[in-house]
């Protein structure tokens, strides 16, 4: 389980599969989600999000797939680290430039 994941992947996959299988019998996707969430003691909203993400992963809905979301998070983390490193280098450069000119650093 990854960070923030409260339910095992098997539980999520089973719940989503049940929603896909039962949508026609319930008349709407939301009715199927509510019914299955109640039976599995899960939040309907959590199950709805799982269903939507699975649909995005299979190309049925627009949006970022799970792997694209993970890659985006990695890149954002890398950008933050690089910005911190650049800020440190900028300050060090200013410090040494002042020292070289004989000024006292602030």
PDB file of N, CA and C in Angstrom:
ATOM      1  N   UNK A   1       0.831  -1.175   0.000  1.00  0.00           N
ATOM      2  CA  UNK A   1       0.000   0.000   0.000  1.00  0.00           C
ATOM      3  C   UNK A   1       0.876   1.240   0.000  1.00  0.00           C
ATOM      4  N   UNK A   2       0.499   2.194  -0.835  1.00  0.00           N
ATOM      5  CA  UNK A   2       1.252   3.427  -0.908  1.00  0.00           C
ATOM      6  C   UNK A   2       0.812   4.412   0.154  1.00  0.00           C
ATOM      7  N   UNK A   3       1.471   5.541   0.144  1.00  0.00           N
ATOM      8  CA  UNK A   3       1.145   6.590   1.106  1.00  0.00           C
ATOM      9  C   UNK A   3      -0.291   7.057   0.861  1.00  0.00           C
ATOM     10  N   UNK A   4      -1.078   7.132   1.928  1.00  0.00           N
ATOM     11  CA  UNK A   4      -2.445   7.602   1.796  1.00  0.00           C
ATOM     12  C   UNK A   4      -3.440   6.532   1.384  1.00  0.00           C
ATOM     13  N   UNK A   5      -2.990   5.323   1.128  1.00  0.00           N
ATOM     14  CA  UNK A   5      -3.881   4.249   0.726  1.00  0.00           C
ATOM     15  C   UNK A   5      -4.352   3.520   1.974  1.00  0.00           C
ATOM     16  N   UNK A   6      -5.664   3.562   2.188  1.00  0.00           N
ATOM     17  CA  UNK A   6      -6.202   2.945   3.387  1.00  0.00           C
ATOM     18  C   UNK A   6      -6.688   1.517   3.139  1.00  0.00           C
ATOM     19  N   UNK A   7      -6.917   1.170   1.898  1.00  0.00           N
ATOM     20  CA  UNK A   7      -7.458  -0.145   1.581  1.00  0.00           C
ATOM     21  C   UNK A   7      -6.504  -0.880   0.649  1.00  0.00           C
ATOM     22  N   UNK A   8      -6.384  -2.182   0.821  1.00  0.00           N
ATOM     23  CA  UNK A   8      -5.517  -2.955  -0.079  1.00  0.00           C
ATOM     24  C   UNK A   8      -6.012  -2.879  -1.520  1.00  0.00           C
ATOM     25  N   UNK A   9      -5.098  -3.002  -2.448  1.00  0.00           N
ATOM     26  CA  UNK A   9      -5.434  -2.919  -3.871  1.00  0.00           C
ATOM     27  C   UNK A   9      -6.472  -3.973  -4.257  1.00  0.00           C
ATOM     28  N   UNK A  10      -6.404  -5.157  -3.639  1.00  0.00           N
ATOM     29  CA  UNK A  10      -7.345  -6.225  -3.979  1.00  0.00           C
ATOM     30  C   UNK A  10      -8.785  -5.818  -3.635  1.00  0.00           C
ATOM     31  N   UNK A  11      -8.945  -5.160  -2.508  1.00  0.00           N
ATOM     32  CA  UNK A  11     -10.280  -4.711  -2.079  1.00  0.00           C
ATOM     33  C   UNK A  11     -10.798  -3.671  -3.054  1.00  0.00           C
ATOM     34  N   UNK A  12      -9.945  -2.741  -3.421  1.00  0.00           N
ATOM     35  CA  UNK A  12     -10.346  -1.691  -4.362  1.00  0.00           C
ATOM     36  C   UNK A  12     -10.735  -2.283  -5.706  1.00  0.00           C
ATOM     37  N   UNK A  13      -9.899  -3.193  -6.219  1.00  0.00           N
ATOM     38  CA  UNK A  13     -10.165  -3.803  -7.522  1.00  0.00           C
ATOM     39  C   UNK A  13     -11.475  -4.588  -7.496  1.00  0.00           C
ATOM     40  N   UNK A  14     -11.707  -5.314  -6.429  1.00  0.00           N
ATOM     41  CA  UNK A  14     -12.936  -6.115  -6.319  1.00  0.00           C
ATOM     42  C   UNK A  14     -14.162  -5.203  -6.280  1.00  0.00           C
ATOM     43  N   UNK A  15     -14.092  -4.137  -5.507  1.00  0.00           N
ATOM     44  CA  UNK A  15     -15.219  -3.205  -5.389  1.00  0.00           C
ATOM     45  C   UNK A  15     -15.517  -2.553  -6.736  1.00  0.00           C
ATOM     46  N   UNK A  16     -14.490  -2.123  -7.432  1.00  0.00           N
ATOM     47  CA  UNK A  16     -14.679  -1.477  -8.737  1.00  0.00           C
ATOM     48  C   UNK A  16     -15.262  -2.468  -9.735  1.00  0.00           C
ATOM     49  N   UNK A  17     -14.745  -3.697  -9.719  1.00  0.00           N
ATOM     50  CA  UNK A  17     -15.256  -4.732 -10.628  1.00  0.00           C
ATOM     51  C   UNK A  17     -16.739  -4.995 -10.362  1.00  0.00           C
ATOM     52  N   UNK A  18     -17.118  -5.032  -9.081  1.00  0.00           N
ATOM     53  CA  UNK A  18     -18.528  -5.231  -8.724  1.00  0.00           C
ATOM     54  C   UNK A  18     -19.400  -4.084  -9.248  1.00  0.00           C
ATOM     55  N   UNK A  19     -18.904  -2.866  -9.148  1.00  0.00           N
ATOM     56  CA  UNK A  19     -19.665  -1.720  -9.667  1.00  0.00           C
ATOM     57  C   UNK A  19     -19.882  -1.875 -11.165  1.00  0.00           C
ATOM     58  N   UNK A  20     -18.828  -2.216 -11.901  1.00  0.00           N
ATOM     59  CA  UNK A  20     -18.961  -2.389 -13.347  1.00  0.00           C
ATOM     60  C   UNK A  20     -19.938  -3.515 -13.686  1.00  0.00           C
ATOM     61  N   UNK A  21     -19.886  -4.593 -12.905  1.00  0.00           N
ATOM     62  CA  UNK A  21     -20.762  -5.738 -13.161  1.00  0.00           C
ATOM     63  C   UNK A  21     -22.219  -5.454 -12.792  1.00  0.00           C
ATOM     64  N   UNK A  22     -22.448  -4.629 -11.774  1.00  0.00           N
ATOM     65  CA  UNK A  22     -23.799  -4.424 -11.245  1.00  0.00           C
ATOM     66  C   UNK A  22     -24.491  -3.145 -11.724  1.00  0.00           C
ATOM     67  N   UNK A  23     -23.826  -2.325 -12.512  1.00  0.00           N
ATOM     68  CA  UNK A  23     -24.418  -1.050 -12.935  1.00  0.00           C
ATOM     69  C   UNK A  23     -25.744  -1.255 -13.661  1.00  0.00           C
ATOM     70  N   UNK A  24     -25.801  -2.187 -14.574  1.00  0.00           N
ATOM     71  CA  UNK A  24     -27.044  -2.412 -15.327  1.00  0.00           C
ATOM     72  C   UNK A  24     -28.164  -2.900 -14.419  1.00  0.00           C
ATOM     73  N   UNK A  25     -27.854  -3.740 -13.466  1.00  0.00           N
ATOM     74  CA  UNK A  25     -28.872  -4.291 -12.571  1.00  0.00           C
ATOM     75  C   UNK A  25     -29.448  -3.215 -11.652  1.00  0.00           C
ATOM     76  N   UNK A  26     -28.671  -2.199 -11.340  1.00  0.00           N
ATOM     77  CA  UNK A  26     -29.123  -1.147 -10.433  1.00  0.00           C
ATOM     78  C   UNK A  26     -29.717   0.057 -11.164  1.00  0.00           C
ATOM     79  N   UNK A  27     -29.570   0.114 -12.451  1.00  0.00           N
ATOM     80  CA  UNK A  27     -30.159   1.197 -13.217  1.00  0.00           C
ATOM     81  C   UNK A  27     -29.246   2.388 -13.421  1.00  0.00           C
ATOM     82  N   UNK A  28     -28.318   2.630 -12.513  1.00  0.00           N
ATOM     83  CA  UNK A  28     -27.347   3.710 -12.690  1.00  0.00           C
ATOM     84  C   UNK A  28     -26.064   3.339 -11.966  1.00  0.00           C
ATOM     85  N   UNK A  29     -25.000   3.992 -12.391  1.00  0.00           N
ATOM     86  CA  UNK A  29     -23.714   3.722 -11.773  1.00  0.00           C
ATOM     87  C   UNK A  29     -23.717   4.158 -10.309  1.00  0.00           C
ATOM     88  N   UNK A  30     -24.327   5.307 -10.013  1.00  0.00           N
ATOM     89  CA  UNK A  30     -24.353   5.804  -8.643  1.00  0.00           C
ATOM     90  C   UNK A  30     -25.126   4.859  -7.724  1.00  0.00           C
ATOM     91  N   UNK A  31     -26.243   4.315  -8.205  1.00  0.00           N
ATOM     92  CA  UNK A  31     -27.014   3.366  -7.397  1.00  0.00           C
ATOM     93  C   UNK A  31     -26.176   2.114  -7.101  1.00  0.00           C
ATOM     94  N   UNK A  32     -25.436   1.659  -8.110  1.00  0.00           N
ATOM     95  CA  UNK A  32     -24.564   0.492  -7.916  1.00  0.00           C
ATOM     96  C   UNK A  32     -23.451   0.818  -6.919  1.00  0.00           C
ATOM     97  N   UNK A  33     -22.886   2.008  -7.029  1.00  0.00           N
ATOM     98  CA  UNK A  33     -21.818   2.423  -6.111  1.00  0.00           C
ATOM     99  C   UNK A  33     -22.340   2.462  -4.679  1.00  0.00           C
ATOM    100  N   UNK A  34     -23.502   3.076  -4.469  1.00  0.00           N
ATOM    101  CA  UNK A  34     -24.066   3.180  -3.118  1.00  0.00           C
ATOM    102  C   UNK A  34     -24.356   1.800  -2.537  1.00  0.00           C
ATOM    103  N   UNK A  35     -24.927   0.924  -3.343  1.00  0.00           N
ATOM    104  CA  UNK A  35     -25.274  -0.414  -2.886  1.00  0.00           C
ATOM    105  C   UNK A  35     -24.027  -1.217  -2.496  1.00  0.00           C
ATOM    106  N   UNK A  36     -23.035  -1.198  -3.361  1.00  0.00           N
ATOM    107  CA  UNK A  36     -21.824  -1.983  -3.117  1.00  0.00           C
ATOM    108  C   UNK A  36     -21.014  -1.373  -1.968  1.00  0.00           C
ATOM    109  N   UNK A  37     -20.946  -0.048  -1.893  1.00  0.00           N
ATOM    110  CA  UNK A  37     -20.230   0.601  -0.795  1.00  0.00           C
ATOM    111  C   UNK A  37     -20.858   0.226   0.540  1.00  0.00           C
ATOM    112  N   UNK A  38     -22.179   0.179   0.586  1.00  0.00           N
ATOM    113  CA  UNK A  38     -22.877  -0.197   1.819  1.00  0.00           C
ATOM    114  C   UNK A  38     -22.565  -1.645   2.208  1.00  0.00           C
ATOM    115  N   UNK A  39     -22.571  -2.532   1.230  1.00  0.00           N
ATOM    116  CA  UNK A  39     -22.292  -3.942   1.497  1.00  0.00           C
ATOM    117  C   UNK A  39     -20.848  -4.184   1.924  1.00  0.00           C
ATOM    118  N   UNK A  40     -19.923  -3.362   1.419  1.00  0.00           N
ATOM    119  CA  UNK A  40     -18.509  -3.542   1.727  1.00  0.00           C
ATOM    120  C   UNK A  40     -18.060  -2.635   2.874  1.00  0.00           C
ATOM    121  N   UNK A  41     -18.991  -1.913   3.472  1.00  0.00           N
ATOM    122  CA  UNK A  41     -18.702  -0.995   4.582  1.00  0.00           C
ATOM    123  C   UNK A  41     -17.652   0.044   4.178  1.00  0.00           C
ATOM    124  N   UNK A  42     -17.845   0.611   3.010  1.00  0.00           N
ATOM    125  CA  UNK A  42     -16.968   1.655   2.487  1.00  0.00           C
ATOM    126  C   UNK A  42     -17.801   2.898   2.224  1.00  0.00           C
ATOM    127  N   UNK A  43     -17.137   4.011   2.080  1.00  0.00           N
ATOM    128  CA  UNK A  43     -17.800   5.265   1.736  1.00  0.00           C
ATOM    129  C   UNK A  43     -18.162   5.250   0.248  1.00  0.00           C
ATOM    130  N   UNK A  44     -19.385   5.650  -0.100  1.00  0.00           N
ATOM    131  CA  UNK A  44     -19.733   5.719  -1.525  1.00  0.00           C
ATOM    132  C   UNK A  44     -18.812   6.668  -2.295  1.00  0.00           C
ATOM    133  N   UNK A  45     -18.411   7.758  -1.649  1.00  0.00           N
ATOM    134  CA  UNK A  45     -17.522   8.720  -2.320  1.00  0.00           C
ATOM    135  C   UNK A  45     -16.159   8.098  -2.611  1.00  0.00           C
ATOM    136  N   UNK A  46     -15.628   7.337  -1.694  1.00  0.00           N
ATOM    137  CA  UNK A  46     -14.340   6.668  -1.921  1.00  0.00           C
ATOM    138  C   UNK A  46     -14.465   5.686  -3.092  1.00  0.00           C
ATOM    139  N   UNK A  47     -15.536   4.920  -3.091  1.00  0.00           N
ATOM    140  CA  UNK A  47     -15.747   3.955  -4.174  1.00  0.00           C
ATOM    141  C   UNK A  47     -15.937   4.669  -5.509  1.00  0.00           C
ATOM    142  N   UNK A  48     -16.650   5.797  -5.505  1.00  0.00           N
ATOM    143  CA  UNK A  48     -16.844   6.565  -6.739  1.00  0.00           C
ATOM    144  C   UNK A  48     -15.492   7.038  -7.279  1.00  0.00           C
ATOM    145  N   UNK A  49     -14.606   7.524  -6.392  1.00  0.00           N
ATOM    146  CA  UNK A  49     -13.277   7.969  -6.823  1.00  0.00           C
ATOM    147  C   UNK A  49     -12.469   6.810  -7.399  1.00  0.00           C
ATOM    148  N   UNK A  50     -12.577   5.629  -6.773  1.00  0.00           N
ATOM    149  CA  UNK A  50     -11.868   4.451  -7.297  1.00  0.00           C
ATOM    150  C   UNK A  50     -12.364   4.105  -8.691  1.00  0.00           C
ATOM    151  N   UNK A  51     -13.685   4.160  -8.875  1.00  0.00           N
ATOM    152  CA  UNK A  51     -14.276   3.840 -10.177  1.00  0.00           C
ATOM    153  C   UNK A  51     -13.791   4.833 -11.217  1.00  0.00           C
ATOM    154  N   UNK A  52     -13.825   6.128 -10.888  1.00  0.00           N
ATOM    155  CA  UNK A  52     -13.395   7.161 -11.839  1.00  0.00           C
ATOM    156  C   UNK A  52     -11.918   6.992 -12.203  1.00  0.00           C
ATOM    157  N   UNK A  53     -11.073   6.688 -11.227  1.00  0.00           N
ATOM    158  CA  UNK A  53      -9.652   6.514 -11.521  1.00  0.00           C
ATOM    159  C   UNK A  53      -9.426   5.298 -12.409  1.00  0.00           C
ATOM    160  N   UNK A  54     -10.163   4.227 -12.156  1.00  0.00           N
ATOM    161  CA  UNK A  54     -10.051   3.036 -13.006  1.00  0.00           C
ATOM    162  C   UNK A  54     -10.483   3.360 -14.430  1.00  0.00           C
ATOM    163  N   UNK A  55     -11.548   4.146 -14.568  1.00  0.00           N
ATOM    164  CA  UNK A  55     -11.998   4.545 -15.901  1.00  0.00           C
ATOM    165  C   UNK A  55     -10.937   5.389 -16.605  1.00  0.00           C
ATOM    166  N   UNK A  56     -10.270   6.277 -15.861  1.00  0.00           N
ATOM    167  CA  UNK A  56      -9.184   7.075 -16.462  1.00  0.00           C
ATOM    168  C   UNK A  56      -8.021   6.170 -16.863  1.00  0.00           C
ATOM    169  N   UNK A  57      -7.703   5.200 -16.017  1.00  0.00           N
ATOM    170  CA  UNK A  57      -6.598   4.288 -16.318  1.00  0.00           C
ATOM    171  C   UNK A  57      -6.855   3.472 -17.577  1.00  0.00           C
ATOM    172  N   UNK A  58      -8.124   3.170 -17.838  1.00  0.00           N
ATOM    173  CA  UNK A  58      -8.486   2.379 -19.022  1.00  0.00           C
ATOM    174  C   UNK A  58      -8.821   3.244 -20.233  1.00  0.00           C
ATOM    175  N   UNK A  59      -8.658   4.571 -20.103  1.00  0.00           N
ATOM    176  CA  UNK A  59      -8.900   5.465 -21.231  1.00  0.00           C
ATOM    177  C   UNK A  59     -10.364   5.767 -21.484  1.00  0.00           C
ATOM    178  N   UNK A  60     -11.245   5.435 -20.556  1.00  0.00           N
ATOM    179  CA  UNK A  60     -12.674   5.666 -20.728  1.00  0.00           C
ATOM    180  C   UNK A  60     -13.076   7.080 -20.320  1.00  0.00           C
ATOM    181  N   UNK A  61     -12.230   7.759 -19.566  1.00  0.00           N
ATOM    182  CA  UNK A  61     -12.486   9.124 -19.089  1.00  0.00           C
ATOM    183  C   UNK A  61     -11.231   9.957 -19.317  1.00  0.00           C
ATOM    184  N   UNK A  62     -11.423  11.260 -19.540  1.00  0.00           N
ATOM    185  CA  UNK A  62     -10.238  12.116 -19.651  1.00  0.00           C
ATOM    186  C   UNK A  62      -9.614  12.341 -18.277  1.00  0.00           C
ATOM    187  N   UNK A  63      -8.342  12.611 -18.269  1.00  0.00           N
ATOM    188  CA  UNK A  63      -7.636  12.883 -17.019  1.00  0.00           C
ATOM    189  C   UNK A  63      -6.357  12.088 -16.929  1.00  0.00           C
ATOM    190  N   UNK A  64      -5.636  12.327 -15.840  1.00  0.00           N
ATOM    191  CA  UNK A  64      -4.353  11.658 -15.627  1.00  0.00           C
ATOM    192  C   UNK A  64      -4.554  10.229 -15.137  1.00  0.00           C
ATOM    193  N   UNK A  65      -3.799   9.314 -15.715  1.00  0.00           N
ATOM    194  CA  UNK A  65      -3.823   7.939 -15.240  1.00  0.00           C
ATOM    195  C   UNK A  65      -3.021   7.856 -13.949  1.00  0.00           C
ATOM    196  N   UNK A  66      -3.093   6.729 -13.280  1.00  0.00           N
ATOM    197  CA  UNK A  66      -2.373   6.540 -12.026  1.00  0.00           C
ATOM    198  C   UNK A  66      -0.873   6.708 -12.229  1.00  0.00           C
ATOM    199  N   UNK A  67      -0.331   6.117 -13.286  1.00  0.00           N
ATOM    200  CA  UNK A  67       1.113   6.222 -13.537  1.00  0.00           C
ATOM    201  C   UNK A  67       1.506   7.661 -13.878  1.00  0.00           C
ATOM    202  N   UNK A  68       0.648   8.375 -14.606  1.00  0.00           N
ATOM    203  CA  UNK A  68       0.934   9.777 -14.913  1.00  0.00           C
ATOM    204  C   UNK A  68       0.902  10.631 -13.646  1.00  0.00           C
ATOM    205  N   UNK A  69      -0.037  10.340 -12.738  1.00  0.00           N
ATOM    206  CA  UNK A  69      -0.093  11.069 -11.469  1.00  0.00           C
ATOM    207  C   UNK A  69       1.178  10.842 -10.652  1.00  0.00           C
ATOM    208  N   UNK A  70       1.634   9.600 -10.599  1.00  0.00           N
ATOM    209  CA  UNK A  70       2.854   9.288  -9.854  1.00  0.00           C
ATOM    210  C   UNK A  70       4.061   9.997 -10.458  1.00  0.00           C
ATOM    211  N   UNK A  71       4.144  10.002 -11.770  1.00  0.00           N
ATOM    212  CA  UNK A  71       5.253  10.673 -12.464  1.00  0.00           C
ATOM    213  C   UNK A  71       5.206  12.176 -12.202  1.00  0.00           C
ATOM    214  N   UNK A  72       4.018  12.763 -12.236  1.00  0.00           N
ATOM    215  CA  UNK A  72       3.859  14.183 -11.955  1.00  0.00           C
ATOM    216  C   UNK A  72       4.309  14.522 -10.537  1.00  0.00           C
ATOM    217  N   UNK A  73       3.945  13.682  -9.573  1.00  0.00           N
ATOM    218  CA  UNK A  73       4.375  13.908  -8.193  1.00  0.00           C
ATOM    219  C   UNK A  73       5.893  13.833  -8.080  1.00  0.00           C
ATOM    220  N   UNK A  74       6.496  12.869  -8.773  1.00  0.00           N
ATOM    221  CA  UNK A  74       7.959  12.739  -8.768  1.00  0.00           C
ATOM    222  C   UNK A  74       8.616  13.998  -9.322  1.00  0.00           C
ATOM    223  N   UNK A  75       8.090  14.476 -10.450  1.00  0.00           N
ATOM    224  CA  UNK A  75       8.663  15.660 -11.076  1.00  0.00           C
ATOM    225  C   UNK A  75       8.487  16.896 -10.205  1.00  0.00           C
ATOM    226  N   UNK A  76       7.331  17.031  -9.558  1.00  0.00           N
ATOM    227  CA  UNK A  76       7.107  18.173  -8.663  1.00  0.00           C
ATOM    228  C   UNK A  76       8.068  18.128  -7.476  1.00  0.00           C
ATOM    229  N   UNK A  77       8.296  16.934  -6.940  1.00  0.00           N
ATOM    230  CA  UNK A  77       9.240  16.765  -5.834  1.00  0.00           C
ATOM    231  C   UNK A  77      10.649  17.157  -6.287  1.00  0.00           C
ATOM    232  N   UNK A  78      11.028  16.715  -7.485  1.00  0.00           N
ATOM    233  CA  UNK A  78      12.351  17.027  -8.020  1.00  0.00           C
ATOM    234  C   UNK A  78      12.512  18.534  -8.232  1.00  0.00           C
ATOM    235  N   UNK A  79      11.470  19.190  -8.738  1.00  0.00           N
ATOM    236  CA  UNK A  79      11.520  20.642  -8.941  1.00  0.00           C
ATOM    237  C   UNK A  79      11.716  21.361  -7.610  1.00  0.00           C
ATOM    238  N   UNK A  80      10.983  20.925  -6.562  1.00  0.00           N
ATOM    239  CA  UNK A  80      11.155  21.547  -5.242  1.00  0.00           C
ATOM    240  C   UNK A  80      12.592  21.414  -4.753  1.00  0.00           C
ATOM    241  N   UNK A  81      13.161  20.216  -4.896  1.00  0.00           N
ATOM    242  CA  UNK A  81      14.532  19.990  -4.451  1.00  0.00           C
ATOM    243  C   UNK A  81      15.530  20.847  -5.235  1.00  0.00           C
ATOM    244  N   UNK A  82      15.317  20.961  -6.538  1.00  0.00           N
ATOM    245  CA  UNK A  82      16.217  21.767  -7.364  1.00  0.00           C
ATOM    246  C   UNK A  82      16.099  23.253  -7.021  1.00  0.00           C
ATOM    247  N   UNK A  83      14.901  23.708  -6.740  1.00  0.00           N
ATOM    248  CA  UNK A  83      14.724  25.110  -6.349  1.00  0.00           C
ATOM    249  C   UNK A  83      15.431  25.401  -5.032  1.00  0.00           C
ATOM    250  N   UNK A  84      15.310  24.453  -4.083  1.00  0.00           N
ATOM    251  CA  UNK A  84      16.025  24.625  -2.808  1.00  0.00           C
ATOM    252  C   UNK A  84      17.529  24.675  -3.036  1.00  0.00           C
ATOM    253  N   UNK A  85      18.037  23.772  -3.856  1.00  0.00           N
ATOM    254  CA  UNK A  85      19.470  23.738  -4.139  1.00  0.00           C
ATOM    255  C   UNK A  85      19.914  25.027  -4.830  1.00  0.00           C
ATOM    256  N   UNK A  86      19.112  25.522  -5.773  1.00  0.00           N
ATOM    257  CA  UNK A  86      19.450  26.776  -6.457  1.00  0.00           C
ATOM    258  C   UNK A  86      19.479  27.942  -5.487  1.00  0.00           C
ATOM    259  N   UNK A  87      18.546  27.983  -4.562  1.00  0.00           N
ATOM    260  CA  UNK A  87      18.511  29.055  -3.569  1.00  0.00           C
ATOM    261  C   UNK A  87      19.761  29.005  -2.684  1.00  0.00           C
ATOM    262  N   UNK A  88      20.154  27.829  -2.270  1.00  0.00           N
ATOM    263  CA  UNK A  88      21.365  27.674  -1.458  1.00  0.00           C
ATOM    264  C   UNK A  88      22.587  28.135  -2.248  1.00  0.00           C
ATOM    265  N   UNK A  89      22.680  27.729  -3.502  1.00  0.00           N
ATOM    266  CA  UNK A  89      23.816  28.127  -4.335  1.00  0.00           C
ATOM    267  C   UNK A  89      23.829  29.627  -4.584  1.00  0.00           C
ATOM    268  N   UNK A  90      22.664  30.220  -4.785  1.00  0.00           N
ATOM    269  CA  UNK A  90      22.566  31.657  -4.999  1.00  0.00           C
ATOM    270  C   UNK A  90      23.070  32.417  -3.766  1.00  0.00           C
ATOM    271  N   UNK A  91      22.655  31.984  -2.590  1.00  0.00           N
ATOM    272  CA  UNK A  91      23.091  32.637  -1.352  1.00  0.00           C
ATOM    273  C   UNK A  91      24.578  32.441  -1.116  1.00  0.00           C
ATOM    274  N   UNK A  92      25.073  31.247  -1.391  1.00  0.00           N
ATOM    275  CA  UNK A  92      26.501  30.980  -1.217  1.00  0.00           C
ATOM    276  C   UNK A  92      27.321  31.827  -2.178  1.00  0.00           C
ATOM    277  N   UNK A  93      26.848  31.933  -3.398  1.00  0.00           N
ATOM    278  CA  UNK A  93      27.543  32.740  -4.394  1.00  0.00           C
ATOM    279  C   UNK A  93      27.599  34.201  -3.969  1.00  0.00           C
ATOM    280  N   UNK A  94      26.485  34.733  -3.482  1.00  0.00           N
ATOM    281  CA  UNK A  94      26.460  36.127  -3.020  1.00  0.00           C
ATOM    282  C   UNK A  94      27.384  36.305  -1.821  1.00  0.00           C
ATOM    283  N   UNK A  95      27.394  35.358  -0.928  1.00  0.00           N
ATOM    284  CA  UNK A  95      28.258  35.426   0.254  1.00  0.00           C
ATOM    285  C   UNK A  95      29.722  35.479  -0.155  1.00  0.00           C
ATOM    286  N   UNK A  96      30.135  34.576  -1.028  1.00  0.00           N
ATOM    287  CA  UNK A  96      31.535  34.529  -1.435  1.00  0.00           C
ATOM    288  C   UNK A  96      31.915  35.713  -2.313  1.00  0.00           C
ATOM    289  N   UNK A  97      30.984  36.232  -3.081  1.00  0.00           N
ATOM    290  CA  UNK A  97      31.268  37.416  -3.895  1.00  0.00           C
ATOM    291  C   UNK A  97      31.533  38.612  -2.991  1.00  0.00           C
ATOM    292  N   UNK A  98      30.745  38.773  -1.943  1.00  0.00           N
ATOM    293  CA  UNK A  98      30.957  39.869  -1.001  1.00  0.00           C
ATOM    294  C   UNK A  98      32.271  39.686  -0.259  1.00  0.00           C
ATOM    295  N   UNK A  99      32.581  38.481   0.137  1.00  0.00           N
ATOM    296  CA  UNK A  99      33.826  38.204   0.859  1.00  0.00           C
ATOM    297  C   UNK A  99      35.027  38.499  -0.023  1.00  0.00           C
ATOM    298  N   UNK A 100      34.913  38.210  -1.294  1.00  0.00           N
ATOM    299  CA  UNK A 100      36.022  38.421  -2.228  1.00  0.00           C
ATOM    300  C   UNK A 100      36.260  39.921  -2.432  1.00  0.00           C
ATOM    301  N   UNK A 101      35.206  40.709  -2.366  1.00  0.00           N
ATOM    302  CA  UNK A 101      35.340  42.142  -2.559  1.00  0.00           C
ATOM    303  C   UNK A 101      35.731  42.841  -1.249  1.00  0.00           C
ATOM    304  N   UNK A 102      35.849  42.116  -0.190  1.00  0.00           N
ATOM    305  CA  UNK A 102      36.292  42.680   1.077  1.00  0.00           C
ATOM    306  C   UNK A 102      35.151  43.245   1.900  1.00  0.00           C
ATOM    307  N   UNK A 103      33.936  42.988   1.521  1.00  0.00           N
ATOM    308  CA  UNK A 103      32.794  43.466   2.309  1.00  0.00           C
ATOM    309  C   UNK A 103      32.431  42.454   3.366  1.00  0.00           C
ATOM    310  N   UNK A 104      31.771  42.973   4.380  1.00  0.00           N
ATOM    311  CA  UNK A 104      31.240  42.068   5.393  1.00  0.00           C
ATOM    312  C   UNK A 104      29.916  41.513   4.907  1.00  0.00           C
ATOM    313  N   UNK A 105      29.706  40.223   5.061  1.00  0.00           N
ATOM    314  CA  UNK A 105      28.415  39.666   4.667  1.00  0.00           C
ATOM    315  C   UNK A 105      27.310  40.140   5.595  1.00  0.00           C
ATOM    316  N   UNK A 106      26.114  40.258   5.057  1.00  0.00           N
ATOM    317  CA  UNK A 106      24.964  40.703   5.845  1.00  0.00           C
ATOM    318  C   UNK A 106      24.397  39.596   6.677  1.00  0.00           C
TER     319      UNK A 106
END
